[in-house]
């Protein structure tokens, strides 16, 4: 199956050397072109690799009181050095996240933490996060962690 490429997959810069005098009002004779003084336009395609998110805290299986306010945090990493532009946080009582109790949807933010109130029922909950870089590339979901 062929993969689809979107504008988010590439960072583009452009360079093209003009072979003829095509800019009105600017004369570049053959001597100037030979000396490298002619206008240029260069095209470079660089794949924008997706970022990743690694859960920081709370540690796996940390215990909290029901209804307690908890701050969940993660580390953002991008192989291209891009900044985080958004995140999505989910909390579920099922490790397959089939029906999240909390799903923030995509939140435009460079924050690497999310604070929420845990449900009032005592049980094990799972959390995960995914992030977007400044060019719109999205990470896979982080490894899930649990809180009790």
Protein backbone atom coordinates (compact mmCIF):
# COMPACT_ATOMS: atom_id res chain seq x y z
CA UNK A 1 0.00 0.00 0.00
CA UNK A 2 1.38 3.42 -0.93
CA UNK A 3 1.82 5.92 1.86
CA UNK A 4 0.26 9.34 1.57
CA UNK A 5 2.42 12.43 1.87
CA UNK A 6 1.05 15.67 3.23
CA UNK A 7 2.50 19.17 3.44
CA UNK A 8 3.28 18.42 7.09
CA UNK A 9 5.81 15.77 6.03
CA UNK A 10 8.37 18.15 4.52
CA UNK A 11 10.31 21.25 5.40
CA UNK A 12 11.10 23.02 2.14
CA UNK A 13 13.72 25.58 1.19
CA UNK A 14 14.29 26.61 -2.42
CA UNK A 15 17.33 27.54 -4.63
CA UNK A 16 17.31 27.83 -8.46
CA UNK A 17 19.95 29.54 -10.56
CA UNK A 18 18.38 31.62 -13.29
CA UNK A 19 20.00 30.97 -16.66
CA UNK A 20 18.86 34.17 -18.33
CA UNK A 21 18.25 37.78 -17.44
CA UNK A 22 14.59 37.47 -16.44
CA UNK A 23 14.28 39.98 -13.59
CA UNK A 24 13.03 43.35 -14.89
CA UNK A 25 15.36 46.23 -14.10
CA UNK A 26 18.21 43.96 -13.00
CA UNK A 27 20.86 43.14 -15.56
CA UNK A 28 23.04 40.08 -15.05
CA UNK A 29 25.43 39.63 -17.93
CA UNK A 30 27.20 36.36 -18.69
CA UNK A 31 30.30 37.53 -16.76
CA UNK A 32 28.26 38.11 -13.57
CA UNK A 33 26.58 34.73 -13.95
CA UNK A 34 29.99 33.11 -14.41
CA UNK A 35 31.17 34.78 -11.17
CA UNK A 36 28.16 33.35 -9.30
CA UNK A 37 26.40 36.69 -8.91
CA UNK A 38 23.21 35.66 -10.70
CA UNK A 39 20.07 35.22 -8.54
CA UNK A 40 19.57 31.65 -7.35
CA UNK A 41 16.70 29.56 -6.03
CA UNK A 42 17.52 26.19 -4.39
CA UNK A 43 15.00 23.45 -3.48
CA UNK A 44 15.81 21.12 -0.57
CA UNK A 45 13.34 18.56 0.78
CA UNK A 46 13.88 17.44 4.38
CA UNK A 47 11.57 14.88 5.93
CA UNK A 48 10.01 16.22 9.12
CA UNK A 49 10.31 13.27 11.47
CA UNK A 50 7.54 12.98 14.07
CA UNK A 51 8.16 13.96 17.70
CA UNK A 52 7.70 11.70 20.72
CA UNK A 53 6.33 12.03 24.25
CA UNK A 54 7.69 10.13 27.25
CA UNK A 55 5.65 10.10 30.48
CA UNK A 56 7.45 11.67 33.47
CA UNK A 57 5.07 11.80 36.38
CA UNK A 58 3.32 10.47 38.23
CA UNK A 59 5.31 7.23 38.30
CA UNK A 60 3.50 4.09 37.16
CA UNK A 61 0.95 2.74 39.69
CA UNK A 62 1.16 5.80 41.98
CA UNK A 63 -1.74 5.87 44.45
CA UNK A 64 -4.01 8.90 44.86
CA UNK A 65 -7.22 9.62 46.73
CA UNK A 66 -10.40 9.55 44.60
CA UNK A 67 -11.27 13.03 43.36
CA UNK A 68 -7.72 14.28 43.95
CA UNK A 69 -6.20 16.82 41.57
CA UNK A 70 -3.19 15.30 39.77
CA UNK A 71 -0.66 16.83 37.39
CA UNK A 72 0.51 14.51 34.64
CA UNK A 73 3.73 15.47 32.86
CA UNK A 74 5.80 14.25 29.93
CA UNK A 75 9.00 15.01 28.04
CA UNK A 76 8.69 16.28 24.48
CA UNK A 77 11.41 15.18 22.05
CA UNK A 78 11.77 16.02 18.36
CA UNK A 79 14.57 14.66 16.14
CA UNK A 80 14.46 17.83 13.99
CA UNK A 81 14.66 20.15 17.02
CA UNK A 82 11.14 21.50 16.45
CA UNK A 83 9.12 22.85 19.36
CA UNK A 84 5.93 21.30 20.74
CA UNK A 85 2.83 23.04 19.42
CA UNK A 86 0.04 20.87 20.84
CA UNK A 87 -0.82 17.80 22.92
CA UNK A 88 -3.69 15.40 23.55
CA UNK A 89 -4.15 13.72 26.94
CA UNK A 90 -6.36 10.71 27.69
CA UNK A 91 -7.37 8.97 30.93
CA UNK A 92 -9.29 5.68 30.87
CA UNK A 93 -10.15 2.79 33.18
CA UNK A 94 -9.33 0.37 30.36
CA UNK A 95 -5.75 -0.02 29.05
CA UNK A 96 -7.02 -0.12 25.44
CA UNK A 97 -8.43 3.44 25.78
CA UNK A 98 -11.63 2.36 24.01
CA UNK A 99 -13.77 4.85 25.93
CA UNK A 100 -11.64 7.55 27.62
CA UNK A 101 -13.05 9.18 30.74
CA UNK A 102 -10.98 12.26 29.92
CA UNK A 103 -9.95 13.15 26.37
CA UNK A 104 -8.72 16.70 25.91
CA UNK A 105 -8.69 16.49 22.11
CA UNK A 106 -5.89 18.45 20.46
CA UNK A 107 -4.85 21.34 22.74
CA UNK A 108 -2.70 24.03 21.12
CA UNK A 109 -0.05 24.50 23.80
CA UNK A 110 3.66 24.09 24.40
CA UNK A 111 2.91 22.90 27.96
CA UNK A 112 4.28 19.49 28.88
CA UNK A 113 1.82 18.87 31.69
CA UNK A 114 -1.90 18.51 32.24
CA UNK A 115 -3.76 18.77 35.56
CA UNK A 116 -7.13 17.15 36.16
CA UNK A 117 -9.29 15.76 38.94
CA UNK A 118 -9.37 11.98 39.15
CA UNK A 119 -12.75 10.24 39.07
CA UNK A 120 -14.37 9.59 42.45
CA UNK A 121 -14.45 5.79 41.95
CA UNK A 122 -11.48 3.87 43.38
CA UNK A 123 -9.92 1.82 40.61
CA UNK A 124 -6.90 1.67 38.34
CA UNK A 125 -6.78 4.35 35.62
CA UNK A 126 -4.46 4.56 32.64
CA UNK A 127 -3.10 7.70 31.04
CA UNK A 128 -1.25 8.53 27.83
CA UNK A 129 -0.37 11.56 25.74
CA UNK A 130 0.58 12.39 22.17
CA UNK A 131 2.17 15.59 20.89
CA UNK A 132 2.49 17.71 17.74
CA UNK A 133 5.56 19.61 16.61
CA UNK A 134 5.61 23.14 15.21
CA UNK A 135 5.26 21.77 11.65
CA UNK A 136 2.18 19.69 12.50
CA UNK A 137 3.80 16.25 12.70
CA UNK A 138 2.07 14.13 15.36
CA UNK A 139 3.69 11.51 17.58
CA UNK A 140 2.45 8.04 18.32
CA UNK A 141 0.69 7.69 21.66
CA UNK A 142 3.10 7.50 24.58
CA UNK A 143 3.47 4.33 26.59
CA UNK A 144 0.51 4.16 28.97
CA UNK A 145 1.04 4.59 32.71
CA UNK A 146 -1.41 3.86 35.48
CA UNK A 147 -2.56 5.59 38.64
CA UNK A 148 -4.60 4.02 41.42
